[in-house]
């Protein structure tokens, strides 16, 4: 009777194939997960770049309707990885003139903020950059941005905060009843919303700017000084501008006109 010898070679080959197959599956899963994370980070970073361009377009929309009562314009946004907030009446605004104590304006204005986790874009702690404008709260020329779009990193978030500062122009000198009157125009764009709104992962939408009201508050006429200093405090930050009012000694009186444009901001989702 022939004896049958047992061998482990076939079993070893089978076990080896199982181990190799399992290891391959693990490596594929790890590589796929890493590739997915890299792709998600790239998409988040691309969204941030696109949102910056959308805010520039939104600034164009607001400026187009600022002096067009009941006018409405919009800008397209895509937010899937970050969050967009409409925050009304949150920044205290105070305007004063050193030489004229009763010339003042106080109110609360709003802002729009986009927030993205720094997992997608990491600019470093204490990072600060202005996409639009700078750290001044008041400007006195038409060549400077009226809007501010501040990009900063706080803790684990990148933020883009969009708001408007105050513009002062003049004097526009007009003869009235034989006297020369210098008119100072002070433009205030007040962003507002019906409520604090949050859009998170909403995808594509329009950010709409609608002019709901324009009012003018006038002060004067007052005897004219040669130079005046206008102070603007916005959200706890203060800056001032000096204006030459009576350089040639031709201005007898001065009038201050505060022009307040109230711009309602809202979100309208785009149906897929």
Protein backbone atom coordinates (compact mmCIF):
# COMPACT_ATOMS: atom_id res chain seq x y z
CA UNK A 1 0.00 0.00 0.00
CA UNK A 2 1.44 3.40 -1.09
CA UNK A 3 1.69 6.10 1.53
CA UNK A 4 0.40 9.59 0.69
CA UNK A 5 2.74 12.40 1.81
CA UNK A 6 1.14 15.59 3.11
CA UNK A 7 2.57 18.90 1.80
CA UNK A 8 2.10 22.50 3.00
CA UNK A 9 3.27 24.10 -0.24
CA UNK A 10 -0.25 24.56 -1.63
CA UNK A 11 -1.50 25.93 1.69
CA UNK A 12 1.45 28.36 1.88
CA UNK A 13 0.74 29.67 -1.62
CA UNK A 14 -2.91 30.21 -0.75
CA UNK A 15 -2.10 32.03 2.48
CA UNK A 16 0.44 34.21 0.68
CA UNK A 17 -2.13 35.19 -1.93
CA UNK A 18 -4.62 36.14 0.79
CA UNK A 19 -2.03 38.30 2.58
CA UNK A 20 -0.92 39.97 -0.66
CA UNK A 21 -4.52 40.63 -1.69
CA UNK A 22 -5.40 42.08 1.73
CA UNK A 23 -2.29 44.26 1.76
CA UNK A 24 -3.09 45.50 -1.73
CA UNK A 25 -6.64 46.39 -0.72
CA UNK A 26 -5.37 48.29 2.33
CA UNK A 27 -2.84 50.21 0.22
CA UNK A 28 -5.50 51.06 -2.36
CA UNK A 29 -7.87 52.29 0.36
CA UNK A 30 -5.13 54.40 1.98
CA UNK A 31 -4.08 55.86 -1.36
CA UNK A 32 -7.70 56.54 -2.33
CA UNK A 33 -8.40 58.26 0.98
CA UNK A 34 -5.25 60.39 0.63
CA UNK A 35 -6.13 61.30 -2.95
CA UNK A 36 -9.66 62.22 -1.84
CA UNK A 37 -8.33 64.47 0.93
CA UNK A 38 -5.92 66.16 -1.48
CA UNK A 39 -8.75 66.70 -3.96
CA UNK A 40 -11.01 68.12 -1.25
CA UNK A 41 -8.27 70.52 -0.12
CA UNK A 42 -7.77 71.67 -3.71
CA UNK A 43 -11.50 72.23 -4.10
CA UNK A 44 -11.66 74.19 -0.85
CA UNK A 45 -8.72 76.37 -1.92
CA UNK A 46 -10.32 76.92 -5.33
CA UNK A 47 -13.56 77.97 -3.64
CA UNK A 48 -11.66 80.54 -1.57
CA UNK A 49 -10.10 82.06 -4.70
CA UNK A 50 -13.50 82.14 -6.42
CA UNK A 51 -15.15 83.76 -3.39
CA UNK A 52 -12.58 86.57 -3.44
CA UNK A 53 -13.51 87.34 -7.04
CA UNK A 54 -17.20 87.17 -6.13
CA UNK A 55 -16.73 89.79 -3.40
CA UNK A 56 -15.09 92.13 -5.91
CA UNK A 57 -18.13 91.65 -8.18
CA UNK A 58 -20.44 92.22 -5.22
CA UNK A 59 -18.68 95.51 -4.47
CA UNK A 60 -19.41 96.59 -8.06
CA UNK A 61 -23.06 95.67 -7.52
CA UNK A 62 -23.34 97.69 -4.29
CA UNK A 63 -21.68 100.75 -5.78
CA UNK A 64 -24.00 100.57 -8.80
CA UNK A 65 -27.11 100.77 -6.59
CA UNK A 66 -25.76 102.98 -3.78
CA UNK A 67 -27.31 106.12 -5.24
CA UNK A 68 -30.09 104.38 -7.18
CA UNK A 69 -33.07 104.19 -4.83
CA UNK A 70 -34.83 100.81 -5.13
CA UNK A 71 -32.11 99.62 -7.52
CA UNK A 72 -31.00 95.99 -7.23
CA UNK A 73 -27.91 94.08 -8.40
CA UNK A 74 -26.40 90.72 -7.56
CA UNK A 75 -23.18 88.71 -7.66
CA UNK A 76 -22.77 84.97 -8.06
CA UNK A 77 -21.20 82.92 -5.24
CA UNK A 78 -20.42 79.24 -4.75
CA UNK A 79 -19.98 78.11 -1.14
CA UNK A 80 -19.74 74.39 -0.42
CA UNK A 81 -16.77 74.15 1.94
CA UNK A 82 -17.03 77.43 3.82
CA UNK A 83 -19.79 79.54 5.33
CA UNK A 84 -21.24 82.93 4.41
CA UNK A 85 -22.82 85.18 7.04
CA UNK A 86 -24.94 88.32 6.70
CA UNK A 87 -24.51 90.24 9.96
CA UNK A 88 -26.66 93.41 10.25
CA UNK A 89 -26.26 96.34 12.66
CA UNK A 90 -23.12 95.00 14.32
CA UNK A 91 -20.43 97.65 13.72
CA UNK A 92 -20.87 100.95 15.62
CA UNK A 93 -20.24 103.95 13.35
CA UNK A 94 -19.53 107.49 14.61
CA UNK A 95 -18.64 110.53 12.49
CA UNK A 96 -17.60 113.84 14.04
CA UNK A 97 -15.97 117.09 12.93
CA UNK A 98 -13.52 118.71 15.35
CA UNK A 99 -14.38 122.28 14.42
CA UNK A 100 -18.17 121.84 14.49
CA UNK A 101 -19.36 120.02 17.60
CA UNK A 102 -22.96 119.61 16.51
CA UNK A 103 -22.03 117.98 13.18
CA UNK A 104 -22.15 114.25 13.87
CA UNK A 105 -23.66 110.97 12.79
CA UNK A 106 -24.03 107.71 14.72
CA UNK A 107 -25.51 104.37 13.70
CA UNK A 108 -24.77 100.65 13.49
CA UNK A 109 -23.87 99.11 10.15
CA UNK A 110 -23.51 95.52 8.99
CA UNK A 111 -20.98 93.34 7.22
CA UNK A 112 -20.76 90.14 5.17
CA UNK A 113 -18.28 87.46 6.23
CA UNK A 114 -17.01 84.30 4.54
CA UNK A 115 -15.31 81.69 6.75
CA UNK A 116 -13.31 78.65 5.65
CA UNK A 117 -11.52 76.08 7.85
CA UNK A 118 -7.74 76.49 7.64
CA UNK A 119 -7.52 72.79 6.73
CA UNK A 120 -8.21 73.95 3.18
CA UNK A 121 -6.16 77.18 3.17
CA UNK A 122 -3.58 77.88 5.86
CA UNK A 123 -2.14 81.39 5.68
CA UNK A 124 -0.41 81.28 9.06
CA UNK A 125 -1.29 82.68 12.46
CA UNK A 126 -1.81 86.47 12.70
CA UNK A 127 -2.11 86.70 8.90
CA UNK A 128 -3.83 89.87 7.67
CA UNK A 129 -4.30 91.22 4.16
CA UNK A 130 -6.76 93.59 2.48
CA UNK A 131 -8.31 92.36 -0.74
CA UNK A 132 -10.05 95.75 -1.01
CA UNK A 133 -9.26 98.93 0.89
CA UNK A 134 -6.97 99.23 3.89
CA UNK A 135 -7.14 99.87 7.64
CA UNK A 136 -8.53 103.40 7.30
CA UNK A 137 -12.16 104.02 8.24
CA UNK A 138 -12.52 107.17 6.12
CA UNK A 139 -11.33 108.18 2.65
CA UNK A 140 -11.46 111.54 0.91
CA UNK A 141 -10.83 110.71 -2.73
CA UNK A 142 -12.69 108.85 -5.47
CA UNK A 143 -9.62 106.77 -6.34
CA UNK A 144 -9.59 104.86 -3.04
CA UNK A 145 -11.77 101.82 -2.49
CA UNK A 146 -14.88 102.64 -0.51
CA UNK A 147 -15.23 98.96 0.40
CA UNK A 148 -12.99 96.98 2.72
CA UNK A 149 -12.45 93.25 2.32
CA UNK A 150 -10.16 92.04 5.10
CA UNK A 151 -8.67 88.54 4.95
CA UNK A 152 -7.29 87.21 8.22
CA UNK A 153 -6.65 83.93 9.97
CA UNK A 154 -7.95 83.39 13.45
CA UNK A 155 -7.33 80.06 15.18
CA UNK A 156 -8.42 77.36 12.74
CA UNK A 157 -10.37 79.61 10.37
CA UNK A 158 -9.69 81.88 7.41
CA UNK A 159 -12.08 84.84 7.34
CA UNK A 160 -12.95 87.38 4.66
CA UNK A 161 -14.91 90.28 6.18
CA UNK A 162 -16.56 92.74 3.79
CA UNK A 163 -17.92 96.15 4.83
CA UNK A 164 -17.96 99.82 3.82
CA UNK A 165 -16.14 102.79 5.26
CA UNK A 166 -17.04 106.49 4.95
CA UNK A 167 -16.17 108.71 1.97
CA UNK A 168 -15.88 112.50 2.32
CA UNK A 169 -15.69 114.76 -0.72
CA UNK A 170 -15.56 118.49 -1.19
CA UNK A 171 -15.81 121.29 -0.80
CA UNK A 172 -18.08 121.88 -3.76
CA UNK A 173 -18.21 125.67 -3.81
CA UNK A 174 -21.45 127.36 -4.88
CA UNK A 175 -22.47 131.03 -4.80
CA UNK A 176 -25.66 131.50 -2.79
CA UNK A 177 -27.16 135.00 -2.35
CA UNK A 178 -23.81 136.64 -2.94
CA UNK A 179 -21.92 134.38 -0.49
CA UNK A 180 -19.63 131.47 -1.34
CA UNK A 181 -20.81 128.23 0.29
CA UNK A 182 -18.66 125.10 0.44
CA UNK A 183 -20.64 121.84 0.48
CA UNK A 184 -19.05 118.78 2.09
CA UNK A 185 -20.57 115.46 0.99
CA UNK A 186 -20.24 112.54 3.42
CA UNK A 187 -21.32 109.22 1.88
CA UNK A 188 -22.27 106.33 4.17
CA UNK A 189 -23.21 102.92 2.77
CA UNK A 190 -25.09 100.98 5.41
CA UNK A 191 -25.21 97.23 4.77
CA UNK A 192 -28.17 95.59 6.45
CA UNK A 193 -30.24 92.41 6.34
CA UNK A 194 -33.64 91.32 7.59
CA UNK A 195 -31.88 89.02 10.05
CA UNK A 196 -28.55 87.40 10.81
CA UNK A 197 -28.40 84.82 8.01
CA UNK A 198 -25.97 81.94 7.59
CA UNK A 199 -25.33 80.06 4.37
CA UNK A 200 -23.27 76.93 4.97
CA UNK A 201 -22.62 74.40 2.25
CA UNK A 202 -25.44 75.93 0.21
CA UNK A 203 -23.65 75.58 -3.12
CA UNK A 204 -24.46 78.16 -5.80
CA UNK A 205 -26.43 81.30 -4.98
CA UNK A 206 -26.78 85.00 -5.71
CA UNK A 207 -25.86 87.61 -3.12
CA UNK A 208 -28.30 90.42 -3.79
CA UNK A 209 -27.78 94.10 -2.97
CA UNK A 210 -30.91 96.23 -2.98
CA UNK A 211 -31.11 99.93 -2.21
CA UNK A 212 -34.07 100.24 0.16
CA UNK A 213 -33.60 103.88 1.19
CA UNK A 214 -31.52 107.01 0.61
CA UNK A 215 -31.63 109.84 3.12
CA UNK A 216 -29.73 113.11 3.45
CA UNK A 217 -29.03 114.86 6.74
CA UNK A 218 -27.74 118.41 6.40
CA UNK A 219 -25.91 120.59 8.94
CA UNK A 220 -25.22 124.28 8.48
CA UNK A 221 -24.52 126.73 7.08
CA UNK A 222 -21.64 127.58 9.43
CA UNK A 223 -18.85 130.12 9.22
CA UNK A 224 -16.02 128.49 7.30
CA UNK A 225 -12.66 127.55 8.81
CA UNK A 226 -9.57 127.25 6.66
CA UNK A 227 -9.12 123.58 7.56
CA UNK A 228 -11.29 120.93 9.19
CA UNK A 229 -10.65 117.48 10.68
CA UNK A 230 -13.21 114.71 10.24
CA UNK A 231 -13.05 111.67 12.54
CA UNK A 232 -14.64 108.31 11.79
CA UNK A 233 -14.84 105.43 14.25
CA UNK A 234 -16.02 102.14 12.76
CA UNK A 235 -16.20 98.98 14.83
CA UNK A 236 -13.80 100.38 17.41
CA UNK A 237 -11.18 101.56 14.86
CA UNK A 238 -10.69 105.31 14.40
CA UNK A 239 -8.98 107.37 11.70
CA UNK A 240 -9.17 111.03 10.68
CA UNK A 241 -8.73 113.14 7.57
CA UNK A 242 -7.81 116.81 7.27
CA UNK A 243 -9.52 118.85 4.58
CA UNK A 244 -8.53 122.25 3.23
CA UNK A 245 -11.77 124.18 3.17
CA UNK A 246 -10.84 127.78 2.51
CA UNK A 247 -7.48 127.69 0.74
CA UNK A 248 -8.03 130.84 -1.30
CA UNK A 249 -10.14 132.62 1.30
CA UNK A 250 -13.17 132.46 -0.97
CA UNK A 251 -15.50 130.29 1.15
CA UNK A 252 -17.76 132.19 3.56
CA UNK A 253 -19.91 129.34 4.83
CA UNK A 254 -19.85 125.55 4.94
CA UNK A 255 -22.67 122.97 4.78
CA UNK A 256 -22.30 119.27 5.62
CA UNK A 257 -24.53 116.78 3.81
CA UNK A 258 -24.62 113.21 5.16
CA UNK A 259 -25.89 110.94 2.37
CA UNK A 260 -26.92 107.56 3.82
CA UNK A 261 -27.58 104.70 1.40
CA UNK A 262 -29.20 101.70 3.08
CA UNK A 263 -28.37 98.53 1.17
CA UNK A 264 -30.29 95.37 2.04
CA UNK A 265 -28.29 92.17 1.45
CA UNK A 266 -29.97 88.81 0.90
CA UNK A 267 -29.22 85.31 -0.42
CA UNK A 268 -31.14 83.67 -3.25
CA UNK A 269 -30.26 80.04 -3.93
CA UNK A 270 -29.88 78.85 -7.50
CA UNK A 271 -32.08 75.85 -8.22
CA UNK A 272 -30.21 72.88 -9.58
